[in-house]
Amino acid sequence: MGKRMAICEFCKNLIEVGDGDFICCECEEPVVVISKFVSTNDYLKCGSRKYRKAGVRKCP
């Protein structure tokens, strides 16, 4: 079996902010990783090193 690739959509650090926009607050400051349901240049900004399986969110 191959290794699964980490993607923002399945990370517990992804937070929906509305209108198809999602932010990640795991890096130094929150960044928009998905805008209008399309990935941005900051998509997977953490390089998946901070990827966590979906579940409880870390940010307030």
N, C-alpha and C. Protein backbone atom coordinates (compact mmCIF):
# COMPACT_ATOMS: atom_id res chain seq x y z
N MET A 1 0.83 -1.18 0.00
CA MET A 1 0.00 0.00 0.00
C MET A 1 0.87 1.25 0.00
N GLY A 2 0.47 2.26 -0.77
CA GLY A 2 1.24 3.49 -0.84
C GLY A 2 0.91 4.43 0.31
N LYS A 3 1.76 5.41 0.50
CA LYS A 3 1.57 6.41 1.54
C LYS A 3 0.51 7.41 1.09
N ARG A 4 -0.39 7.79 1.98
CA ARG A 4 -1.42 8.77 1.65
C ARG A 4 -0.82 10.18 1.65
N MET A 5 -1.28 10.97 0.69
CA MET A 5 -0.81 12.34 0.59
C MET A 5 -1.68 13.24 1.48
N ALA A 6 -1.06 14.11 2.23
CA ALA A 6 -1.79 15.05 3.07
C ALA A 6 -2.32 16.18 2.20
N ILE A 7 -3.60 16.48 2.34
CA ILE A 7 -4.18 17.62 1.63
C ILE A 7 -4.97 18.44 2.63
N CYS A 8 -5.05 19.73 2.36
CA CYS A 8 -5.70 20.65 3.30
C CYS A 8 -7.13 20.25 3.64
N GLU A 9 -7.87 19.74 2.67
CA GLU A 9 -9.27 19.43 2.90
C GLU A 9 -9.49 18.41 4.02
N PHE A 10 -8.53 17.58 4.31
CA PHE A 10 -8.67 16.56 5.34
C PHE A 10 -7.87 16.88 6.60
N CYS A 11 -7.39 18.10 6.72
CA CYS A 11 -6.60 18.49 7.90
C CYS A 11 -7.51 19.11 8.95
N LYS A 12 -7.30 18.78 10.19
CA LYS A 12 -8.15 19.34 11.25
C LYS A 12 -7.85 20.81 11.51
N ASN A 13 -6.78 21.34 10.95
CA ASN A 13 -6.43 22.74 11.14
C ASN A 13 -7.10 23.66 10.11
N LEU A 14 -7.89 23.10 9.21
CA LEU A 14 -8.60 23.88 8.20
C LEU A 14 -9.89 24.42 8.80
N ILE A 15 -10.13 25.72 8.64
CA ILE A 15 -11.31 26.36 9.20
C ILE A 15 -12.07 27.07 8.10
N GLU A 16 -13.36 26.75 7.99
CA GLU A 16 -14.20 27.40 6.99
C GLU A 16 -14.59 28.79 7.49
N VAL A 17 -14.39 29.81 6.63
CA VAL A 17 -14.75 31.17 7.02
C VAL A 17 -15.93 31.69 6.22
N GLY A 18 -16.42 30.89 5.28
CA GLY A 18 -17.61 31.26 4.52
C GLY A 18 -17.33 31.57 3.07
N ASP A 19 -18.38 31.50 2.25
CA ASP A 19 -18.31 31.80 0.81
C ASP A 19 -17.24 31.00 0.09
N GLY A 20 -16.98 29.78 0.53
CA GLY A 20 -16.01 28.92 -0.13
C GLY A 20 -14.57 29.21 0.24
N ASP A 21 -14.36 30.02 1.28
CA ASP A 21 -13.01 30.35 1.73
C ASP A 21 -12.68 29.56 2.99
N PHE A 22 -11.43 29.10 3.05
CA PHE A 22 -10.95 28.32 4.18
C PHE A 22 -9.57 28.85 4.58
N ILE A 23 -9.32 28.92 5.88
CA ILE A 23 -8.02 29.36 6.37
C ILE A 23 -7.35 28.24 7.15
N CYS A 24 -6.05 28.37 7.27
CA CYS A 24 -5.26 27.47 8.11
C CYS A 24 -4.55 28.35 9.13
N CYS A 25 -4.69 28.04 10.39
CA CYS A 25 -4.05 28.85 11.43
C CYS A 25 -2.88 28.10 12.08
N GLU A 26 -2.38 27.09 11.42
CA GLU A 26 -1.29 26.29 11.98
C GLU A 26 0.07 26.97 11.79
N CYS A 27 0.22 27.76 10.76
CA CYS A 27 1.49 28.46 10.52
C CYS A 27 1.59 29.70 11.40
N GLU A 28 2.62 30.51 11.20
CA GLU A 28 2.86 31.68 12.05
C GLU A 28 1.63 32.58 12.15
N GLU A 29 0.97 32.80 11.03
CA GLU A 29 -0.25 33.60 11.03
C GLU A 29 -1.27 32.93 10.11
N PRO A 30 -2.55 33.13 10.35
CA PRO A 30 -3.57 32.48 9.51
C PRO A 30 -3.43 32.88 8.04
N VAL A 31 -3.58 31.91 7.15
CA VAL A 31 -3.51 32.17 5.70
C VAL A 31 -4.70 31.52 5.03
N VAL A 32 -5.16 32.13 3.93
CA VAL A 32 -6.25 31.57 3.14
C VAL A 32 -5.64 30.51 2.23
N VAL A 33 -6.03 29.27 2.42
CA VAL A 33 -5.49 28.18 1.60
C VAL A 33 -6.44 27.77 0.49
N ILE A 34 -7.73 28.08 0.67
CA ILE A 34 -8.74 27.79 -0.35
C ILE A 34 -9.65 29.02 -0.45
N SER A 35 -9.80 29.54 -1.65
CA SER A 35 -10.66 30.70 -1.87
C SER A 35 -11.69 30.37 -2.94
N LYS A 36 -12.95 30.53 -2.60
CA LYS A 36 -14.05 30.19 -3.51
C LYS A 36 -13.91 28.76 -4.03
N PHE A 37 -13.56 27.87 -3.12
CA PHE A 37 -13.41 26.43 -3.37
C PHE A 37 -12.26 26.09 -4.32
N VAL A 38 -11.31 27.02 -4.53
CA VAL A 38 -10.14 26.80 -5.38
C VAL A 38 -8.89 27.02 -4.53
N SER A 39 -7.90 26.14 -4.66
CA SER A 39 -6.69 26.29 -3.86
C SER A 39 -5.93 27.56 -4.24
N THR A 40 -5.29 28.17 -3.25
CA THR A 40 -4.51 29.39 -3.46
C THR A 40 -3.02 29.04 -3.48
N ASN A 41 -2.18 30.06 -3.63
CA ASN A 41 -0.73 29.84 -3.61
C ASN A 41 -0.26 29.38 -2.24
N ASP A 42 -1.06 29.62 -1.20
CA ASP A 42 -0.70 29.19 0.16
C ASP A 42 -1.23 27.81 0.51
N TYR A 43 -1.84 27.13 -0.45
CA TYR A 43 -2.37 25.78 -0.22
C TYR A 43 -1.25 24.87 0.25
N LEU A 44 -1.49 24.16 1.31
CA LEU A 44 -0.52 23.25 1.93
C LEU A 44 0.78 23.98 2.29
N LYS A 45 0.61 25.23 2.76
CA LYS A 45 1.76 26.07 3.11
C LYS A 45 2.68 25.41 4.14
N CYS A 46 2.10 24.64 5.02
CA CYS A 46 2.93 23.99 6.04
C CYS A 46 3.76 22.85 5.45
N GLY A 47 3.54 22.53 4.16
CA GLY A 47 4.29 21.46 3.54
C GLY A 47 3.91 20.09 4.08
N SER A 48 2.76 20.00 4.68
CA SER A 48 2.18 18.81 5.30
C SER A 48 2.94 18.37 6.55
N ARG A 49 3.94 19.11 6.97
CA ARG A 49 4.66 18.72 8.18
C ARG A 49 3.81 18.91 9.43
N LYS A 50 2.79 19.75 9.34
CA LYS A 50 1.91 19.97 10.48
C LYS A 50 0.53 19.37 10.24
N TYR A 51 0.39 18.56 9.22
CA TYR A 51 -0.89 17.94 8.87
C TYR A 51 -1.37 17.06 10.00
N ARG A 52 -2.64 17.18 10.30
CA ARG A 52 -3.24 16.33 11.30
C ARG A 52 -4.56 15.82 10.77
N LYS A 53 -4.83 14.58 11.00
CA LYS A 53 -6.07 13.98 10.53
C LYS A 53 -7.26 14.76 11.08
N ALA A 54 -8.28 14.90 10.26
CA ALA A 54 -9.46 15.68 10.63
C ALA A 54 -10.02 15.24 11.98
N GLY A 55 -10.46 16.19 12.74
CA GLY A 55 -11.03 15.92 14.05
C GLY A 55 -11.26 17.25 14.75
N VAL A 56 -10.82 17.39 15.96
CA VAL A 56 -11.00 18.62 16.73
C VAL A 56 -10.03 19.68 16.21
N ARG A 57 -10.55 20.88 16.01
CA ARG A 57 -9.70 21.98 15.52
C ARG A 57 -8.86 22.58 16.63
N LYS A 58 -7.66 23.03 16.28
CA LYS A 58 -6.73 23.59 17.26
C LYS A 58 -7.01 25.05 17.54
N CYS A 59 -7.43 25.82 16.54
CA CYS A 59 -7.62 27.25 16.69
C CYS A 59 -8.91 27.55 17.43
N PRO A 60 -8.95 28.71 18.12
CA PRO A 60 -10.17 29.07 18.86
C PRO A 60 -11.32 29.40 17.96
